[in-house]
Amino acid sequence: MSYAIIGFGKIGHALAKAFARKGIEVSVATTRDPTSFASEAAAIGPKVIAKTLPEAVKADIIFVAVRFEAHRDVAKALSTWQGKTIIDVTNAYGVPPEDLGGQPSSKFVAQAFTGAKLVKGFNHLLAATLDQDPAEHGGKRVVFLASDDDGAAEEIAALAENLGFAPIKLGGLSEGGLLMQARGNTWGRLIFQHLVKFD
C-alpha cells in the first residue's frame, strides 16, 4: 500500500510527521516543484519523499490537505481516480452551502475525484494538535472518519490505528460527516474537539 499527502502546509506537515513517527513511507506534493520543499520533507524524516503532483497521485491512498477551493486543481492530476481512496482533509468554512449544491462538503469534493472512494477525516483537529504525538496521557488521540463506503472507512481506520490514533467511524457523509464538516459560517459540532480514547 502506498500513501501520499497533497498539500504541504501546516496540516500536510503534521500528517507527514505522523507517518515519520511510525517509519511509514509517504510522498508529499504540491503544485510547486518538489525541489522547493524537498529539504523540508527530508527534515521531517527519511521516508517523507517530496514528489511532483503527477508522481504523488500514483499512490493508493491520498490525503487531500489543501485549501477547499484547491481540491479541483488536485483532481485534474488524473482523468480517473478509480481504485484509489481519497481522504478529504479540507474544510469548506466560508463557502456558502448553495455553492455546494446544498450537500455536505465531502460529497461535493467526491464529485471531483471520479471513481475514487472518499473518506472524510483528520480535519477536525487544529494543525498544532494534529502535529503532536497521538499517544497522550496513556490514551490515543481520536480522529473521526465518515464515508459512504464502509470498506474505505475500515481501510482508513486501520491506517489511523497504524499511525497511533484512535479512529471513531461516524457513518455516512450525510450523517456523521456533517458533524465534522464546515460550511458557510458554521463549523460541525465535532470540529476542534480534542478527545483522547483509553482502552
Protein backbone atom coordinates (compact mmCIF):
# COMPACT_ATOMS: atom_id res chain seq x y z
CA MET A 1 0.00 0.00 0.00
CA SER A 2 1.39 3.43 -0.94
CA TYR A 3 0.50 6.79 0.59
CA ALA A 4 0.63 10.44 -0.44
CA ILE A 5 -0.22 13.79 1.09
CA ILE A 6 -1.23 16.54 -1.31
CA GLY A 7 -0.69 19.90 0.31
CA PHE A 8 2.32 20.72 2.46
CA GLY A 9 1.07 23.49 4.73
CA LYS A 10 0.65 23.07 8.48
CA ILE A 11 -1.78 20.16 8.16
CA GLY A 12 0.35 18.46 5.48
CA HIS A 13 3.42 18.79 7.71
CA ALA A 14 1.50 17.37 10.69
CA LEU A 15 0.32 14.36 8.67
CA ALA A 16 3.84 13.77 7.32
CA LYS A 17 5.15 13.77 10.91
CA ALA A 18 2.58 11.11 11.84
CA PHE A 19 3.95 8.85 9.08
CA ALA A 20 7.56 9.65 10.00
CA ARG A 21 6.96 8.73 13.67
CA LYS A 22 5.96 5.23 12.58
CA GLY A 23 8.62 4.88 9.85
CA ILE A 24 5.98 4.57 7.10
CA GLU A 25 6.97 5.95 3.70
CA VAL A 26 4.76 8.75 2.36
CA SER A 27 5.01 11.08 -0.63
CA VAL A 28 4.29 14.78 -0.23
CA ALA A 29 3.38 17.05 -3.12
CA THR A 30 2.02 20.46 -4.01
CA THR A 31 1.57 22.20 -7.34
CA ARG A 32 5.13 23.56 -6.85
CA ASP A 33 8.38 21.98 -8.00
CA PRO A 34 9.30 19.40 -5.33
CA THR A 35 12.87 20.71 -5.16
CA SER A 36 11.43 23.81 -3.47
CA PHE A 37 10.30 21.80 -0.41
CA ALA A 38 12.43 18.63 -0.59
CA SER A 39 14.67 19.77 2.28
CA GLU A 40 11.59 20.49 4.44
CA ALA A 41 10.28 16.98 3.73
CA ALA A 42 13.65 15.37 4.47
CA ALA A 43 13.88 17.28 7.77
CA ILE A 44 10.68 15.54 8.94
CA GLY A 45 12.10 12.09 8.22
CA PRO A 46 13.95 9.98 5.64
CA LYS A 47 10.73 8.29 4.50
CA VAL A 48 8.94 11.58 3.70
CA ILE A 49 9.57 11.97 -0.02
CA ALA A 50 8.92 15.17 -1.98
CA LYS A 51 7.39 14.40 -5.39
CA THR A 52 5.60 16.13 -8.23
CA LEU A 53 1.81 16.07 -8.12
CA PRO A 54 1.57 13.59 -11.07
CA GLU A 55 4.02 11.27 -9.29
CA ALA A 56 2.34 11.52 -5.90
CA VAL A 57 -1.16 10.70 -7.15
CA LYS A 58 0.04 7.27 -8.23
CA ALA A 59 -0.32 6.29 -4.54
CA ASP A 60 -3.17 4.03 -3.41
CA ILE A 61 -4.29 6.25 -0.52
CA ILE A 62 -4.14 10.02 -0.91
CA PHE A 63 -4.70 12.70 1.71
CA VAL A 64 -6.07 15.91 0.13
CA ALA A 65 -4.87 18.53 2.60
CA VAL A 66 -5.22 21.70 0.54
CA ARG A 67 -7.46 24.75 0.79
CA PHE A 68 -11.01 23.68 -0.08
CA GLU A 69 -11.01 25.74 -3.30
CA ALA A 70 -7.85 23.94 -4.50
CA HIS A 71 -9.28 20.41 -4.42
CA ARG A 72 -10.36 20.70 -8.06
CA ASP A 73 -6.79 21.51 -9.09
CA VAL A 74 -5.65 18.31 -7.41
CA ALA A 75 -8.45 16.33 -9.08
CA LYS A 76 -7.21 17.42 -12.53
CA ALA A 77 -4.00 15.44 -11.98
CA LEU A 78 -5.78 12.24 -13.10
CA SER A 79 -8.63 11.64 -15.54
CA THR A 80 -9.96 8.83 -13.35
CA TRP A 81 -9.30 8.06 -9.70
CA GLN A 82 -10.63 4.50 -9.97
CA GLY A 83 -9.19 2.17 -7.34
CA LYS A 84 -7.88 4.99 -5.14
CA THR A 85 -9.01 6.09 -1.69
CA ILE A 86 -9.12 9.83 -1.05
CA ILE A 87 -9.03 11.21 2.49
CA ASP A 88 -10.69 14.63 2.41
CA VAL A 89 -8.92 16.80 4.99
CA THR A 90 -10.35 20.07 3.62
CA ASN A 91 -12.71 22.43 5.46
CA ALA A 92 -15.21 24.45 3.45
CA TYR A 93 -15.54 27.23 6.01
CA GLY A 94 -16.73 30.40 4.29
CA VAL A 95 -18.09 28.51 1.27
CA PRO A 96 -21.85 29.21 1.01
CA PRO A 97 -23.94 26.00 1.22
CA GLU A 98 -25.64 26.95 -2.06
CA ASP A 99 -22.21 26.81 -3.78
CA LEU A 100 -22.05 23.18 -2.65
CA GLY A 101 -25.49 22.43 -4.07
CA GLY A 102 -26.79 22.08 -0.52
CA GLN A 103 -24.77 18.88 0.02
CA PRO A 104 -22.12 18.04 2.60
CA SER A 105 -18.77 19.45 1.52
CA SER A 106 -17.22 15.98 1.19
CA LYS A 107 -19.92 14.84 -1.23
CA PHE A 108 -19.07 17.92 -3.28
CA VAL A 109 -15.35 17.05 -3.13
CA ALA A 110 -16.08 13.42 -4.08
CA GLN A 111 -17.64 14.55 -7.36
CA ALA A 112 -14.28 15.95 -8.47
CA PHE A 113 -12.45 12.66 -7.83
CA THR A 114 -14.24 10.44 -10.34
CA GLY A 115 -14.15 6.77 -9.39
CA ALA A 116 -12.42 7.20 -6.02
CA LYS A 117 -13.66 6.05 -2.63
CA LEU A 118 -13.75 9.06 -0.32
CA VAL A 119 -13.33 9.25 3.44
CA LYS A 120 -13.68 12.46 5.43
CA GLY A 121 -11.12 12.51 8.20
CA PHE A 122 -8.21 14.08 10.07
CA ASN A 123 -9.74 17.54 9.51
CA HIS A 124 -11.30 18.28 12.88
CA LEU A 125 -8.07 18.86 14.80
CA LEU A 126 -6.09 22.08 14.81
CA ALA A 127 -2.79 21.68 12.96
CA ALA A 128 -0.84 22.26 16.20
CA THR A 129 -2.74 19.39 17.86
CA LEU A 130 -2.51 17.02 14.89
CA ASP A 131 1.23 17.78 14.81
CA GLN A 132 1.80 16.20 18.24
CA ASP A 133 2.36 12.54 19.02
CA PRO A 134 -1.15 11.00 19.29
CA ALA A 135 -0.14 8.98 22.36
CA GLU A 136 -1.44 11.16 25.17
CA HIS A 137 -1.89 10.57 28.90
CA GLY A 138 -1.86 6.81 28.36
CA GLY A 139 -4.53 7.02 25.64
CA LYS A 140 -4.67 7.81 21.94
CA ARG A 141 -5.87 10.95 20.22
CA VAL A 142 -9.21 10.46 18.45
CA VAL A 143 -9.69 11.05 14.74
CA PHE A 144 -13.20 11.00 13.32
CA LEU A 145 -13.92 9.31 9.99
CA ALA A 146 -17.01 9.39 7.78
CA SER A 147 -17.63 7.68 4.44
CA ASP A 148 -20.39 6.34 2.26
CA ASP A 149 -18.12 3.34 1.56
CA ASP A 150 -17.81 1.01 4.57
CA GLY A 151 -14.77 -0.74 3.10
CA ALA A 152 -12.92 2.54 2.64
CA ALA A 153 -13.82 3.62 6.18
CA GLU A 154 -12.37 0.34 7.53
CA GLU A 155 -9.23 0.79 5.43
CA ILE A 156 -8.59 4.31 6.73
CA ALA A 157 -9.46 3.32 10.29
CA ALA A 158 -6.73 0.66 10.08
CA LEU A 159 -4.29 3.27 8.74
CA ALA A 160 -5.22 5.69 11.54
CA GLU A 161 -4.52 2.95 14.10
CA ASN A 162 -1.16 2.22 12.44
CA LEU A 163 -0.33 5.91 12.79
CA GLY A 164 -1.14 5.75 16.51
CA PHE A 165 -4.58 7.38 16.51
CA ALA A 166 -7.91 6.09 17.82
CA PRO A 167 -10.35 6.21 14.89
CA ILE A 168 -14.07 6.64 15.50
CA LYS A 169 -16.31 5.98 12.50
CA LEU A 170 -19.35 8.25 12.35
CA GLY A 171 -21.21 6.65 9.44
CA GLY A 172 -22.02 8.26 6.11
CA LEU A 173 -21.12 11.71 4.81
CA SER A 174 -24.69 12.98 5.13
CA GLU A 175 -24.99 11.84 8.75
CA GLY A 176 -21.80 11.70 10.79
CA GLY A 177 -19.90 13.61 8.15
CA LEU A 178 -21.90 16.76 8.84
CA LEU A 179 -20.62 16.74 12.42
CA MET A 180 -17.08 17.26 11.16
CA GLN A 181 -17.62 19.49 8.15
CA ALA A 182 -17.56 23.26 7.86
CA ARG A 183 -19.99 25.01 5.52
CA GLY A 184 -20.85 28.65 5.23
CA ASN A 185 -20.06 30.31 8.55
CA THR A 186 -20.70 27.25 10.69
CA TRP A 187 -18.41 24.51 11.97
CA GLY A 188 -19.60 20.95 12.53
CA ARG A 189 -20.08 20.15 16.22
CA LEU A 190 -17.07 17.84 16.38
CA ILE A 191 -14.60 20.21 14.71
CA PHE A 192 -11.87 21.35 17.13
CA GLN A 193 -12.91 18.69 19.68
CA HIS A 194 -9.68 17.25 21.04
CA LEU A 195 -10.53 13.86 22.53
CA VAL A 196 -8.40 11.03 23.88
CA LYS A 197 -9.59 7.42 23.92
CA PHE A 198 -8.48 4.94 26.56
CA ASP A 199 -8.59 1.17 26.08
